[in-house]
Protein backbone atom coordinates (compact mmCIF):
# COMPACT_ATOMS: atom_id res chain seq x y z
CA MET A 1 -27.63 13.32 -27.52
CA ASN A 2 -24.16 14.49 -28.64
CA ASN A 3 -22.67 11.10 -27.73
CA VAL A 4 -25.38 9.32 -29.72
CA SER A 5 -24.78 11.51 -32.79
CA SER A 6 -21.01 11.02 -32.50
CA PHE A 7 -21.47 7.27 -32.19
CA LEU A 8 -23.62 7.06 -35.34
CA ASN A 9 -21.27 9.35 -37.26
CA ASP A 10 -18.31 7.16 -36.31
CA ARG A 11 -20.19 4.06 -37.39
CA LYS A 12 -21.09 5.73 -40.69
CA ALA A 13 -17.49 6.81 -41.30
CA ALA A 14 -16.20 3.27 -40.62
CA TRP A 15 -18.83 1.80 -42.97
CA LEU A 16 -17.95 4.23 -45.75
CA LYS A 17 -14.22 3.59 -45.32
CA ALA A 18 -14.83 -0.11 -45.92
CA LYS A 19 -17.15 0.46 -48.88
CA LEU A 20 -15.54 3.32 -50.81
CA LYS A 21 -12.89 2.37 -53.37
CA PRO A 22 -10.67 4.70 -55.44
CA THR A 23 -11.79 2.92 -58.62
CA GLN A 24 -15.45 3.77 -58.04
CA SER A 25 -17.10 6.55 -60.02
CA GLN A 26 -18.41 9.70 -58.40
CA GLU A 27 -21.95 8.48 -58.98
CA GLU A 28 -21.26 5.19 -57.20
CA GLN A 29 -19.61 6.98 -54.31
CA ALA A 30 -22.56 9.39 -54.05
CA LYS A 31 -24.98 6.47 -53.86
CA LEU A 32 -22.91 4.97 -51.01
CA HIS A 33 -23.02 8.25 -49.12
CA ILE A 34 -26.80 8.41 -49.51
CA GLU A 35 -27.07 4.79 -48.33
CA ALA A 36 -24.85 5.53 -45.34
CA ASN A 37 -26.93 8.53 -44.35
CA GLU A 38 -30.08 6.42 -44.45
CA ARG A 39 -28.53 3.34 -42.76
CA PHE A 40 -27.08 5.32 -39.84
CA ALA A 41 -29.93 7.72 -39.30
CA LEU A 42 -31.24 7.11 -35.77
CA ALA A 43 -34.73 6.34 -37.08
CA ASN A 44 -33.35 3.49 -39.20
CA TRP A 45 -30.34 2.25 -37.21
CA LEU A 46 -32.15 2.00 -33.87
CA PRO A 47 -34.90 -0.45 -34.97
CA ASP A 48 -32.22 -2.57 -36.62
CA ALA A 49 -30.18 -2.50 -33.40
CA ALA A 50 -33.23 -3.57 -31.39
CA ARG A 51 -33.66 -6.58 -33.69
CA ARG A 52 -29.99 -7.55 -33.34
CA ALA A 53 -29.75 -7.05 -29.56
CA PRO A 54 -31.07 -10.57 -28.71
CA GLN A 55 -27.91 -11.93 -30.38
CA LEU A 56 -25.98 -10.61 -27.34
CA THR A 57 -26.12 -11.60 -23.69
CA MET A 58 -24.92 -9.53 -20.73
CA VAL A 59 -23.41 -11.59 -17.91
CA SER A 60 -21.10 -11.36 -14.93
CA HIS A 61 -19.64 -14.89 -15.31
CA PRO A 62 -19.30 -16.02 -18.96
CA GLY A 63 -18.98 -19.76 -19.50
CA LYS A 64 -16.95 -19.18 -22.65
CA PHE A 65 -13.79 -18.54 -20.64
CA SER A 66 -13.63 -22.31 -20.17
CA HIS A 67 -14.17 -22.89 -23.88
CA PRO A 68 -15.39 -20.52 -26.66
CA SER A 69 -17.96 -23.13 -27.71
CA ALA A 70 -19.45 -23.59 -24.23
CA LYS A 71 -23.13 -22.69 -23.97
CA THR A 72 -24.41 -22.09 -20.47
CA SER A 73 -27.29 -20.19 -18.92
CA PRO A 74 -26.42 -16.48 -18.62
CA VAL A 75 -25.59 -15.50 -15.05
CA ILE A 76 -25.58 -12.05 -13.46
CA ALA A 77 -24.43 -12.45 -9.86
CA HIS A 78 -25.78 -9.96 -7.32
CA ASN A 79 -23.58 -10.49 -4.27
CA LEU A 80 -23.63 -8.12 -1.30
CA GLN A 81 -20.55 -6.25 -0.15
CA ALA A 82 -19.05 -7.44 3.14
CA ASN A 83 -15.86 -6.62 5.01
CA ASP A 84 -14.75 -10.24 4.98
CA GLY A 85 -11.35 -9.67 3.40
CA TYR A 86 -12.12 -11.71 0.27
CA LEU A 87 -11.50 -10.66 -3.31
CA ARG A 88 -14.88 -11.72 -4.69
CA THR A 89 -17.99 -10.67 -6.56
CA GLY A 90 -19.78 -8.08 -4.45
CA ASN A 91 -16.65 -6.69 -2.83
CA VAL A 92 -15.36 -5.16 -6.08
CA ASN A 93 -17.35 -2.89 -8.37
CA TYR A 94 -16.88 -3.86 -12.00
CA GLU A 95 -18.83 -3.71 -15.22
CA LEU A 96 -20.80 -6.59 -16.65
CA ASP A 97 -19.47 -8.52 -19.61
CA VAL A 98 -21.14 -9.38 -22.93
CA PHE A 99 -20.83 -12.31 -25.31
CA GLY A 100 -22.60 -13.26 -28.51
CA ASN A 101 -22.48 -12.41 -32.21
CA ALA A 102 -19.43 -10.20 -32.78
CA ALA A 103 -21.28 -8.44 -35.62
CA ALA A 104 -23.81 -7.12 -33.08
CA MET A 105 -21.29 -5.69 -30.61
CA ASP A 106 -22.04 -2.17 -31.85
CA VAL A 107 -25.43 -2.51 -30.11
CA TYR A 108 -23.68 -3.07 -26.77
CA LYS A 109 -21.41 -0.07 -27.36
CA PHE A 110 -24.50 2.02 -28.07
CA LEU A 111 -26.16 0.91 -24.83
CA CYS A 112 -23.00 1.90 -22.94
CA LEU A 113 -23.11 5.49 -24.25
CA THR A 114 -23.69 8.09 -21.54
CA LEU A 115 -26.35 10.77 -21.84
CA SER A 116 -26.39 14.26 -20.34
CA ASP A 117 -26.65 13.05 -16.72
CA GLY A 118 -23.75 10.59 -17.04
CA LYS A 119 -25.98 7.51 -16.97
CA THR A 120 -25.86 4.98 -19.79
CA VAL A 121 -28.53 4.46 -22.42
CA LEU A 122 -29.26 1.06 -20.86
CA ALA A 123 -29.75 2.60 -17.40
CA HIS A 124 -32.18 5.15 -18.87
CA LEU A 125 -34.12 2.40 -20.65
CA GLU A 126 -34.47 0.43 -17.42
CA THR A 127 -36.04 3.44 -15.69
CA ASP A 128 -38.01 4.82 -18.68
CA SER A 129 -36.51 8.26 -18.16
CA PRO A 130 -38.05 11.24 -20.00
CA GLU A 131 -34.77 11.81 -21.83
CA ILE A 132 -34.69 8.31 -23.33
CA THR A 133 -38.41 8.25 -24.19
CA LYS A 134 -37.95 11.53 -26.08
CA LEU A 135 -34.84 10.24 -27.87
CA PHE A 136 -36.57 6.97 -28.82
CA THR A 137 -39.80 8.55 -30.08
CA LEU A 138 -39.40 7.69 -33.78
CA PRO A 139 -41.76 7.26 -36.71
CA THR A 140 -40.22 3.90 -37.65
CA ALA A 141 -40.88 1.99 -34.39
CA SER A 142 -42.65 2.34 -31.06
CA TYR A 143 -40.71 3.15 -27.91
CA GLU A 144 -41.87 -0.04 -26.23
CA ASP A 145 -40.68 -2.24 -29.10
CA LEU A 146 -37.28 -0.51 -29.14
CA LYS A 147 -36.96 -0.83 -25.38
CA GLN A 148 -37.89 -4.52 -25.21
CA GLY A 149 -35.53 -5.35 -28.02
CA LEU A 150 -32.56 -3.49 -26.56
CA ILE A 151 -32.92 -4.53 -22.90
CA SER A 152 -33.24 -8.18 -23.96
CA ILE A 153 -29.42 -8.10 -23.77
CA LYS A 154 -29.79 -8.22 -19.98
CA GLN A 155 -32.74 -10.59 -19.65
CA LEU A 156 -31.70 -13.85 -18.07
CA ASP A 157 -32.71 -17.37 -18.96
CA THR A 158 -34.61 -18.89 -16.03
CA THR A 159 -33.25 -22.35 -16.80
CA SER A 160 -30.02 -23.67 -15.31
CA LYS A 161 -28.01 -25.06 -18.17
CA THR A 162 -24.36 -26.03 -18.08
CA ASP A 163 -22.06 -27.50 -20.69
CA HIS A 164 -19.65 -30.43 -20.76
CA LEU A 165 -16.94 -27.96 -21.91
CA VAL A 166 -17.19 -26.01 -18.64
CA LYS A 167 -14.85 -27.02 -15.85
CA GLN A 168 -16.77 -28.83 -13.13
CA VAL A 169 -16.11 -30.14 -9.64
CA TYR A 170 -17.99 -32.38 -7.25
CA PHE A 171 -18.56 -30.55 -3.94
CA PRO A 172 -19.53 -32.56 -0.82
CA VAL A 173 -22.95 -31.63 0.63
CA ASP A 174 -24.73 -33.60 3.39
CA ASN A 175 -23.11 -37.00 2.71
CA ASP A 176 -23.64 -36.47 -1.01
CA TYR A 177 -22.09 -34.46 -3.82
CA HIS A 178 -23.29 -31.41 -5.72
CA LEU A 179 -21.87 -30.88 -9.19
CA LEU A 180 -20.64 -27.29 -9.55
CA SER A 181 -19.89 -25.62 -12.87
CA LEU A 182 -17.01 -23.18 -12.45
CA LEU A 183 -17.56 -19.87 -14.23
CA THR A 184 -15.09 -17.00 -14.58
CA PRO A 185 -15.82 -13.50 -13.14
CA SER A 186 -14.50 -11.68 -16.21
CA GLY A 187 -15.15 -8.23 -14.75
CA LEU A 188 -13.06 -9.14 -11.73
CA LEU A 189 -10.26 -10.39 -13.99
CA THR A 190 -10.39 -7.09 -15.85
CA GLN A 191 -10.25 -5.08 -12.64
CA VAL A 192 -7.21 -7.04 -11.44
CA LYS A 193 -5.43 -6.53 -14.76
CA THR A 194 -6.33 -2.83 -14.91
CA ARG A 195 -5.10 -2.13 -11.38
CA ILE A 196 -1.87 -4.08 -11.81
CA ASP A 197 -1.15 -2.40 -15.14
CA ARG A 198 -1.78 1.00 -13.54
CA MET A 199 0.58 0.10 -10.72
CA ARG A 200 3.34 -1.19 -12.97
CA PHE A 201 3.14 1.02 -16.04
CA SER A 202 1.86 4.41 -14.90
CA ASP A 203 3.91 7.54 -15.62
CA GLU A 204 4.79 7.82 -11.92
CA THR A 205 6.07 4.24 -11.87
CA LYS A 206 8.11 4.80 -15.02
CA GLN A 207 9.68 7.87 -13.48
CA ALA A 208 10.49 6.02 -10.24
CA LYS A 209 12.05 3.12 -12.17
CA GLU A 210 14.12 5.56 -14.20
CA CYS A 211 15.40 7.10 -10.95
CA ARG A 212 16.34 3.66 -9.67
CA LYS A 213 18.15 2.92 -12.92
CA LYS A 214 20.13 6.13 -12.53
CA LYS A 215 20.60 5.45 -8.80
CA GLU A 216 18.76 8.65 -7.95
CA HIS A 217 16.41 9.29 -5.04
CA HIS A 218 12.66 9.18 -5.68
CA GLU A 219 10.27 10.49 -3.06
CA THR A 220 7.60 7.78 -3.22
CA GLY A 221 9.25 4.86 -5.05
CA PHE A 222 7.02 2.34 -6.78
CA ASP A 223 5.05 -0.82 -6.10
CA ASP A 224 5.22 -4.04 -8.07
CA VAL A 225 3.70 -7.51 -8.13
CA LEU A 226 6.18 -10.32 -8.61
CA ASN A 227 5.74 -13.82 -10.03
CA LEU A 228 2.82 -12.87 -12.28
CA THR A 229 1.68 -15.33 -14.92
CA VAL A 230 -0.13 -14.17 -18.06
CA THR A 231 -2.81 -16.47 -19.39
CA ALA A 232 -4.72 -16.17 -22.68
CA PHE A 233 -8.38 -16.82 -23.52
CA GLY A 234 -9.79 -17.26 -27.00
CA GLY A 235 -6.53 -17.72 -28.89
CA THR A 236 -6.39 -15.50 -31.96
CA GLN A 237 -10.11 -14.67 -31.64
CA PRO A 238 -10.52 -13.20 -28.12
CA GLN A 239 -13.76 -11.50 -29.22
CA ASN A 240 -15.38 -14.93 -29.45
CA VAL A 241 -15.12 -15.23 -25.67
CA SER A 242 -16.48 -11.87 -24.51
CA VAL A 243 -16.26 -8.11 -24.92
CA LEU A 244 -14.04 -7.61 -21.87
CA ASN A 245 -11.77 -10.41 -23.01
CA SER A 246 -11.46 -8.71 -26.39
CA GLN A 247 -10.66 -5.38 -24.72
CA ASN A 248 -7.86 -7.11 -22.80
CA ALA A 249 -6.57 -8.76 -26.00
CA GLY A 250 -7.43 -12.10 -24.40
CA ARG A 251 -4.88 -11.59 -21.63
CA ALA A 252 -5.41 -11.95 -17.87
CA TYR A 253 -3.08 -12.12 -14.89
CA LEU A 254 -2.71 -15.05 -12.53
CA LEU A 255 -1.29 -14.12 -9.15
CA ALA A 256 1.31 -16.36 -7.58
CA SER A 257 -0.23 -19.03 -5.36
CA PHE A 258 2.61 -20.61 -3.42
CA PRO A 259 2.48 -22.27 -0.01
CA PRO A 260 3.90 -20.02 2.70
CA SER A 261 7.60 -20.30 3.40
CA PHE A 262 8.24 -20.86 7.08
CA LYS A 263 11.53 -20.25 8.81
CA GLN A 264 12.28 -23.12 11.13
CA ARG A 265 12.12 -22.01 14.73
CA GLN A 266 14.76 -23.54 16.96
CA ILE A 267 12.85 -22.94 20.18
CA ARG A 268 9.30 -23.98 20.96
CA LEU A 269 7.28 -21.21 22.55
CA PRO A 270 5.08 -22.46 25.38
CA SER A 271 1.35 -22.07 24.87
CA HIS A 272 0.22 -23.51 28.23
CA ASP A 273 3.24 -24.33 30.38
CA PHE A 274 6.95 -23.69 29.79
CA PHE A 275 8.10 -26.87 31.50
CA ARG A 276 5.76 -29.13 29.56
CA ASN A 277 5.83 -27.37 26.19
CA SER A 278 9.44 -26.22 25.83
CA LEU A 279 11.47 -28.76 27.82
CA ARG A 280 11.57 -32.34 26.52
CA ALA A 281 12.55 -34.71 29.31
CA LYS A 282 14.56 -37.05 27.06
CA THR A 283 16.91 -34.25 25.96
CA PHE A 284 18.01 -33.91 29.61
CA LYS A 285 18.84 -37.58 30.14
CA ASP A 286 22.60 -37.09 29.70
CA ALA A 287 22.50 -34.33 32.33
CA TYR A 288 20.62 -36.57 34.80
CA LEU A 289 22.84 -39.65 34.37
CA PRO A 290 25.71 -38.48 36.65
CA LEU A 291 23.15 -37.23 39.17
CA ASP A 292 21.53 -40.66 39.33
CA LYS A 293 24.90 -42.37 39.80
CA LEU A 294 25.91 -40.03 42.62
CA ILE A 295 22.56 -40.42 44.38
CA HIS A 296 22.91 -44.22 44.34
CA THR A 297 26.54 -44.35 45.41
CA ASP A 298 27.25 -45.87 48.82
CA VAL A 299 29.65 -43.06 49.65
CA ASN A 300 28.31 -39.96 51.39
CA ASN A 301 30.96 -37.33 51.77
CA VAL A 302 31.59 -33.72 50.85
CA ALA A 303 32.80 -34.58 47.35
CA VAL A 304 29.66 -36.60 46.57
CA ARG A 305 27.33 -33.93 47.93
CA GLN A 306 29.20 -31.26 45.97
CA GLY A 307 28.93 -33.43 42.85
CA ILE A 308 25.15 -33.77 43.31
CA GLN A 309 24.89 -30.01 43.73
CA ASN A 310 26.95 -29.40 40.58
CA CYS A 311 24.71 -31.80 38.60
CA LEU A 312 21.61 -29.97 39.78
CA LYS A 313 23.15 -26.61 38.84
CA PHE A 314 24.00 -27.92 35.38
CA ILE A 315 20.41 -29.11 34.80
CA ILE A 316 19.09 -25.75 35.97
CA ASP A 317 21.55 -23.96 33.68
CA GLN A 318 20.41 -26.05 30.69
CA ALA A 319 16.79 -25.17 31.37
CA LEU A 320 17.63 -21.47 31.79
CA GLN A 321 19.30 -21.46 28.37
CA ARG A 322 15.85 -22.23 26.93
CA VAL A 323 14.46 -19.33 28.92
CA PHE A 324 17.00 -16.93 27.42
CA SER A 325 16.28 -18.25 23.91
CA ILE A 326 12.57 -17.62 24.36
CA ARG A 327 13.18 -14.09 25.61
CA ALA A 328 15.39 -13.40 22.59
CA TYR A 329 12.71 -14.60 20.16
CA ALA A 330 10.58 -11.45 20.28
CA VAL A 331 9.33 -8.90 22.77
CA GLY A 332 5.61 -9.30 23.40
CA TRP A 333 5.27 -12.78 21.87
CA SER A 334 3.14 -13.98 24.82
CA GLN A 335 0.55 -11.24 24.27
CA THR A 336 -0.92 -12.84 21.14
CA GLU A 337 -4.12 -14.87 21.37
CA HIS A 338 -2.39 -18.24 20.98
CA TYR A 339 -0.48 -17.84 24.26
CA GLN A 340 -3.21 -16.52 26.53
CA SER A 341 -3.36 -19.81 28.44
CA LEU A 342 0.24 -19.41 29.62
CA PRO A 343 0.29 -18.61 33.39
CA ALA A 344 0.88 -14.95 34.22
CA ALA A 345 3.97 -15.74 36.30
CA GLN A 346 5.59 -17.56 33.39
CA ARG A 347 4.74 -14.72 30.99
CA ILE A 348 6.52 -12.28 33.29
CA TRP A 349 9.49 -14.65 33.50
CA LEU A 350 9.77 -15.48 29.79
CA ASP A 351 8.68 -12.34 27.90
CA ASP A 352 10.74 -9.13 28.00
CA ALA A 353 7.55 -7.18 27.45
CA TYR A 354 7.20 -7.61 31.22
CA LEU A 355 10.84 -6.76 31.99
CA GLU A 356 9.99 -3.87 34.29
CA GLN A 357 7.50 -6.01 36.22
CA ARG A 358 10.07 -8.82 36.42
CA GLU A 359 12.69 -6.46 37.86
CA GLN A 360 10.52 -4.55 40.31
CA GLN A 361 8.18 -7.26 41.59
CA ASP A 362 8.83 -10.71 42.98
CA ASP A 363 5.36 -12.16 43.57
CA TRP A 364 5.82 -14.24 40.39
CA LEU A 365 9.10 -15.73 41.65
CA ASP A 366 7.76 -18.28 44.15
CA THR A 367 5.31 -19.67 41.58
CA VAL A 368 8.03 -20.13 38.96
CA VAL A 369 10.46 -21.63 41.48
CA ALA A 370 7.88 -24.17 42.70
CA ASP A 371 7.04 -25.21 39.12
CA PHE A 372 10.74 -25.38 38.20
CA ALA A 373 11.65 -27.61 41.17
CA ARG A 374 8.64 -29.84 40.56
CA TRP A 375 9.67 -30.24 36.91
CA MET A 376 13.21 -31.27 37.91
CA LEU A 377 11.97 -33.96 40.25
CA ASP A 378 9.26 -35.21 37.88
CA THR A 379 11.77 -35.40 35.04
CA TYR A 380 14.21 -37.38 37.18
CA GLU A 381 11.46 -39.82 38.14
CA TYR A 382 10.33 -40.16 34.48
CA LEU A 383 13.85 -40.84 33.14
CA PHE A 384 14.88 -43.30 35.84
CA LYS A 385 11.70 -45.13 36.74
CA ASP A 386 13.51 -48.37 37.57
CA SER A 387 16.22 -46.90 39.81
CA TYR A 388 14.39 -43.82 41.11
CA SER A 389 14.28 -43.40 44.85
CA ASN A 390 12.56 -40.63 46.73
CA LEU A 391 14.84 -37.80 47.72
CA SER A 392 15.14 -36.82 51.35
CA ASP A 393 13.57 -33.65 52.67
CA HIS A 394 17.03 -32.12 52.85
CA GLU A 395 17.66 -32.90 49.16
CA LEU A 396 14.23 -31.53 48.18
CA ARG A 397 14.92 -28.29 50.02
CA GLU A 398 18.32 -28.11 48.34
CA VAL A 399 16.76 -28.48 44.89
CA ARG A 400 14.25 -25.75 45.62
CA GLY A 401 16.96 -23.51 47.05
CA LEU A 402 19.25 -23.95 44.04
CA VAL A 403 16.38 -23.20 41.67
CA LYS A 404 15.39 -20.07 43.60
CA GLN A 405 18.98 -18.91 43.71
CA ALA A 406 19.40 -19.42 39.95
CA VAL A 407 16.11 -17.76 38.98
CA ALA A 408 16.76 -14.88 41.36
CA ALA A 409 20.26 -14.50 39.95
CA ASP A 410 18.79 -14.38 36.48
CA GLN A 411 16.38 -11.73 37.72
CA GLU A 412 19.28 -9.66 39.05
CA PHE A 413 22.09 -10.23 36.55
CA PHE A 414 20.55 -11.33 33.24
CA LYS A 415 18.68 -8.11 32.44
């Protein structure tokens, strides 16, 4: 009841301040005081407020944010909370907004007053509490008439009416399109602005920024949001859009919405097979050219055989450089969901998260060596289809032996 009395006294004081003039006589001023006492007595002001309440509409998504002249059906969205990670209606608690005749906004402020239990007048009216029925028992109007008039602010129109001034988009539905009218969650906008302002302009933040300016240590530091854009609604008359918009002076924040910036990765991490995913055959053609020439030479002596061996070692070395690059990328990269199809032996070989297993076990080695040797031969056949000739068993064993020696050496020396 104290809040109600204070509200009416404030309204009376504001009315008198606008009406009283220094040039008026004492008699004229006395008449204005008498009129004010009558006008803002609860028994007189409340029935008038109930008559003016239908001039206001309580909503969660006002259409007037698109254009102050837009007239749409009032919407109060009742979305359920869900841990889906989205910033949306239902996941954030915020107050409803109001739009309508600015001259009737005092009715909304009255309905937002809290009574002794902390609940608003509107909440009490919706439950017909004993406290509100006692307060609204007046000789000038019945409780039911006062209630119906005041809660009409929250009664929704059952029709679905949009406006050509509201932003609209065609949304595809079942080989057709549904025309959607885009409405603004003004309470959500207010919450975003309130939280960002608290983050950026609180006393703690000011103190932390002052410490930074003086190059002094601050225990907690401060948070900030960069690349904010301020947008305005309603121009010089923000109250014509909604109450919350007027409280925010027509200002709202737009968060930065940029595409992600990716750092180009020089090495391709294998998702299924290192030899297929990370080694492109054509990049090894220059390394295979001398090998192909030596294999097809008519001379077979120590120098030629040593040359073939050196070519094979060079190809192996080039492939191992990719292995070292992958290991240097990050420890544990193969443990993410995207790389679960990579064979276990290759994960041990390529990811330093398995370094201890790589050093102390060797059951993975034969699998990697077999795949490595097979890749070398398949790549040679792919690059030189026209001149390719099957290698002898001795040459195949030599390839496998060189690969095993190189991978084993890596296991021993490249820790």
